[in-house]
Amino acid sequence: MTQEFRIVVVCTANICRSPMAEAMIRHALRAGGPDAAGVVVESAGVYGHEGSPIAPGSASALRALGIEDDGHRGRRLTTAIVGAADLVLTMEEGHRDAILAGTPEAGDRTFTLREFARLVGGQAPPSGTGAAARARALVATAGSRRTRLPWPGVDDVPDPYGGPSEGYHACAALILGEVGTLLRPLLGT
């Protein structure tokens, strides 16, 4: 039996970007069949709005893609959540930096979503039986390829919260593209 692999997606309040990414990853994992069963995804916010539903604009953008939010409720990120994660994907470099300030030992498995997709995109699926084993190999690969970019914010996913619906749909499209890039080698597709 393959050990579980836990992905945690993080944004500011856990009501907009991270729940969209969580829902997209979960949707793709369900479509991945039994091989993906060992991969679990959840989300949290650096300043999580405990118990709040997903932002209406985010829910609308997901529905337009044929994805449901599964009754998401916001929660605040804790060191226990980070400690239990095999991979932490943040929406902004500032989120990553906040996590590493409180949990420096998570540095080898904490990336922005865009950074991780860039580092593993185009990779042949790693050897290993099951998506969880491939995910572990991808985290190791990403860590070995990581370099610090010379300009801040290049890997941030813009926050559409409070803006027009077009912003939510553009954000969802950006996240969906990055999720697709990082899941191809994980799912072996």
Protein backbone atom coordinates (compact mmCIF):
# COMPACT_ATOMS: atom_id res chain seq x y z
CA MET A 1 0.00 0.00 0.00
CA THR A 2 1.29 3.45 -0.95
CA GLN A 3 1.70 6.02 1.78
CA GLU A 4 -0.54 9.07 1.53
CA PHE A 5 0.89 12.26 -0.01
CA ARG A 6 -0.62 15.49 1.34
CA ILE A 7 -0.72 18.75 -0.65
CA VAL A 8 -1.70 21.98 1.11
CA VAL A 9 -2.53 25.03 -1.00
CA VAL A 10 -2.18 28.41 0.74
CA CYS A 11 -3.37 31.94 0.02
CA THR A 12 -4.21 34.91 2.21
CA ALA A 13 -7.72 34.23 3.55
CA ASN A 14 -8.51 30.76 2.16
CA ILE A 15 -11.66 31.97 0.46
CA CYS A 16 -10.49 32.83 -3.05
CA ARG A 17 -7.34 31.49 -4.74
CA SER A 18 -6.35 28.51 -2.59
CA PRO A 19 -9.85 26.97 -2.58
CA MET A 20 -9.93 27.30 -6.38
CA ALA A 21 -6.59 25.51 -6.68
CA GLU A 22 -7.66 22.89 -4.14
CA ALA A 23 -10.87 22.18 -6.06
CA MET A 24 -9.02 22.00 -9.38
CA ILE A 25 -6.40 19.60 -8.03
CA ARG A 26 -9.06 17.45 -6.35
CA HIS A 27 -11.08 17.37 -9.60
CA ALA A 28 -8.02 16.23 -11.58
CA LEU A 29 -7.11 13.63 -8.96
CA ARG A 30 -10.62 12.16 -9.08
CA ALA A 31 -10.30 11.89 -12.85
CA GLY A 32 -6.89 10.24 -12.34
CA GLY A 33 -8.55 7.10 -11.04
CA PRO A 34 -7.31 4.70 -8.37
CA ASP A 35 -3.66 5.57 -9.02
CA ALA A 36 -4.27 9.05 -7.59
CA ALA A 37 -6.12 7.82 -4.49
CA GLY A 38 -3.05 8.25 -2.28
CA VAL A 39 -2.84 11.99 -2.94
CA VAL A 40 -4.86 14.25 -0.64
CA VAL A 41 -5.32 17.99 -1.17
CA GLU A 42 -6.50 20.66 1.25
CA SER A 43 -6.11 24.40 1.66
CA ALA A 44 -5.66 27.07 4.31
CA GLY A 45 -4.99 30.78 4.58
CA VAL A 46 -2.15 32.66 6.23
CA TYR A 47 -4.89 34.89 7.69
CA GLY A 48 -7.66 32.35 7.17
CA HIS A 49 -11.27 33.41 7.45
CA GLU A 50 -12.36 30.52 9.67
CA GLY A 51 -15.61 28.98 8.51
CA SER A 52 -16.21 31.42 5.65
CA PRO A 53 -17.47 30.03 2.35
CA ILE A 54 -15.55 30.39 -0.87
CA ALA A 55 -15.85 33.87 -2.42
CA PRO A 56 -18.81 34.03 -4.83
CA GLY A 57 -16.54 35.08 -7.71
CA SER A 58 -14.29 32.07 -7.10
CA ALA A 59 -17.27 29.71 -6.93
CA SER A 60 -18.59 31.17 -10.19
CA ALA A 61 -15.22 30.78 -11.92
CA LEU A 62 -15.03 27.14 -10.80
CA ARG A 63 -18.58 26.40 -11.98
CA ALA A 64 -17.71 27.86 -15.38
CA LEU A 65 -14.99 25.19 -15.57
CA GLY A 66 -17.38 22.43 -14.48
CA ILE A 67 -15.75 22.14 -11.04
CA GLU A 68 -17.55 22.29 -7.68
CA ASP A 69 -16.02 23.70 -4.49
CA ASP A 70 -17.34 20.80 -2.37
CA GLY A 71 -18.75 23.11 0.33
CA HIS A 72 -15.41 24.73 1.12
CA ARG A 73 -15.01 26.53 4.45
CA GLY A 74 -12.04 28.78 5.14
CA ARG A 75 -9.46 27.94 7.77
CA ARG A 76 -6.29 29.45 9.13
CA LEU A 77 -2.94 27.86 8.37
CA THR A 78 -1.21 26.34 11.40
CA THR A 79 2.22 24.85 11.97
CA ALA A 80 0.50 21.47 12.38
CA ILE A 81 -1.02 21.74 8.90
CA VAL A 82 2.36 22.68 7.42
CA GLY A 83 4.06 19.91 9.40
CA ALA A 84 1.67 17.27 8.03
CA ALA A 85 2.10 18.42 4.42
CA ASP A 86 4.37 16.72 1.91
CA LEU A 87 4.02 19.70 -0.44
CA VAL A 88 2.93 23.25 0.34
CA LEU A 89 1.92 25.38 -2.65
CA THR A 90 1.42 29.09 -2.02
CA MET A 91 -0.21 31.73 -4.18
CA GLU A 92 2.41 34.38 -3.39
CA GLU A 93 6.05 34.55 -2.42
CA GLY A 94 4.95 36.45 0.70
CA HIS A 95 2.86 33.45 1.79
CA ARG A 96 5.84 31.16 1.27
CA ASP A 97 8.08 33.52 3.25
CA ALA A 98 5.55 33.69 6.12
CA ILE A 99 5.41 29.89 6.27
CA LEU A 100 9.18 29.57 6.29
CA ALA A 101 9.52 32.21 9.01
CA GLY A 102 7.37 30.06 11.31
CA THR A 103 8.34 26.61 10.00
CA PRO A 104 11.81 26.82 8.43
CA GLU A 105 12.08 23.03 8.23
CA ALA A 106 9.35 23.12 5.54
CA GLY A 107 11.65 24.94 3.11
CA ASP A 108 12.41 21.91 0.98
CA ARG A 109 8.71 21.27 0.31
CA THR A 110 7.24 24.78 0.17
CA PHE A 111 6.97 26.51 -3.21
CA THR A 112 4.74 29.02 -4.90
CA LEU A 113 2.30 27.27 -7.25
CA ARG A 114 3.90 28.87 -10.30
CA GLU A 115 7.43 28.09 -9.13
CA PHE A 116 6.63 24.41 -8.58
CA ALA A 117 4.88 24.13 -11.96
CA ARG A 118 7.89 25.75 -13.66
CA LEU A 119 10.33 23.42 -11.91
CA VAL A 120 8.47 20.16 -12.69
CA GLY A 121 6.64 21.07 -15.89
CA GLY A 122 7.68 19.08 -18.91
CA GLN A 123 9.21 16.35 -16.78
CA ALA A 124 8.69 12.75 -17.72
CA PRO A 125 6.69 11.05 -14.99
CA PRO A 126 9.16 9.93 -12.32
CA SER A 127 9.51 6.25 -11.73
CA GLY A 128 7.47 4.94 -8.86
CA THR A 129 4.33 3.04 -8.35
CA GLY A 130 1.41 5.34 -7.81
CA ALA A 131 0.86 9.07 -7.82
CA ALA A 132 2.04 9.48 -4.21
CA ALA A 133 5.46 8.00 -5.01
CA ARG A 134 5.74 10.15 -8.14
CA ALA A 135 4.74 13.23 -6.12
CA ARG A 136 7.54 12.61 -3.62
CA ALA A 137 10.02 12.32 -6.49
CA LEU A 138 8.72 15.56 -8.02
CA VAL A 139 9.18 17.48 -4.76
CA ALA A 140 12.79 16.26 -4.60
CA THR A 141 13.34 17.27 -8.24
CA ALA A 142 11.83 20.71 -7.69
CA GLY A 143 13.98 21.27 -4.62
CA SER A 144 17.15 20.41 -6.51
CA ARG A 145 16.26 22.81 -9.35
CA ARG A 146 15.16 25.74 -7.22
CA THR A 147 16.88 29.07 -7.68
CA ARG A 148 15.87 32.44 -6.33
CA LEU A 149 14.57 34.79 -9.01
CA PRO A 150 16.11 38.27 -9.01
CA TRP A 151 12.82 40.15 -8.92
CA PRO A 152 10.07 39.73 -6.35
CA GLY A 153 6.52 38.79 -7.21
CA VAL A 154 7.21 37.06 -10.52
CA ASP A 155 5.68 33.82 -9.22
CA ASP A 156 2.64 35.40 -7.56
CA VAL A 157 -0.91 34.55 -8.61
CA PRO A 158 -2.77 37.90 -8.61
CA ASP A 159 -5.54 38.14 -6.02
CA PRO A 160 -8.90 38.96 -7.64
CA TYR A 161 -10.73 39.32 -4.31
CA GLY A 162 -13.11 42.27 -4.34
CA GLY A 163 -12.65 42.88 -8.06
CA PRO A 164 -14.83 42.21 -11.10
CA SER A 165 -15.87 38.71 -12.15
CA GLU A 166 -13.44 38.84 -15.07
CA GLY A 167 -10.59 38.95 -12.56
CA TYR A 168 -11.80 35.75 -10.88
CA HIS A 169 -12.11 33.99 -14.23
CA ALA A 170 -8.63 35.15 -15.29
CA CYS A 171 -7.22 33.98 -11.96
CA ALA A 172 -8.96 30.61 -12.33
CA ALA A 173 -7.55 30.21 -15.85
CA LEU A 174 -4.03 30.98 -14.60
CA ILE A 175 -4.33 28.53 -11.70
CA LEU A 176 -5.82 25.85 -13.94
CA GLY A 177 -2.89 26.11 -16.34
CA GLU A 178 -0.34 25.80 -13.53
CA VAL A 179 -2.25 22.92 -11.92
CA GLY A 180 -2.33 21.09 -15.25
CA THR A 181 1.42 21.58 -15.68
CA LEU A 182 2.30 20.21 -12.26
CA LEU A 183 -0.19 17.33 -12.32
CA ARG A 184 0.86 15.85 -15.68
CA PRO A 185 4.05 14.25 -14.33
CA LEU A 186 2.39 13.44 -11.00
CA LEU A 187 -0.46 11.58 -12.69
CA GLY A 188 1.79 10.08 -15.34
CA THR A 189 -0.06 11.67 -18.26
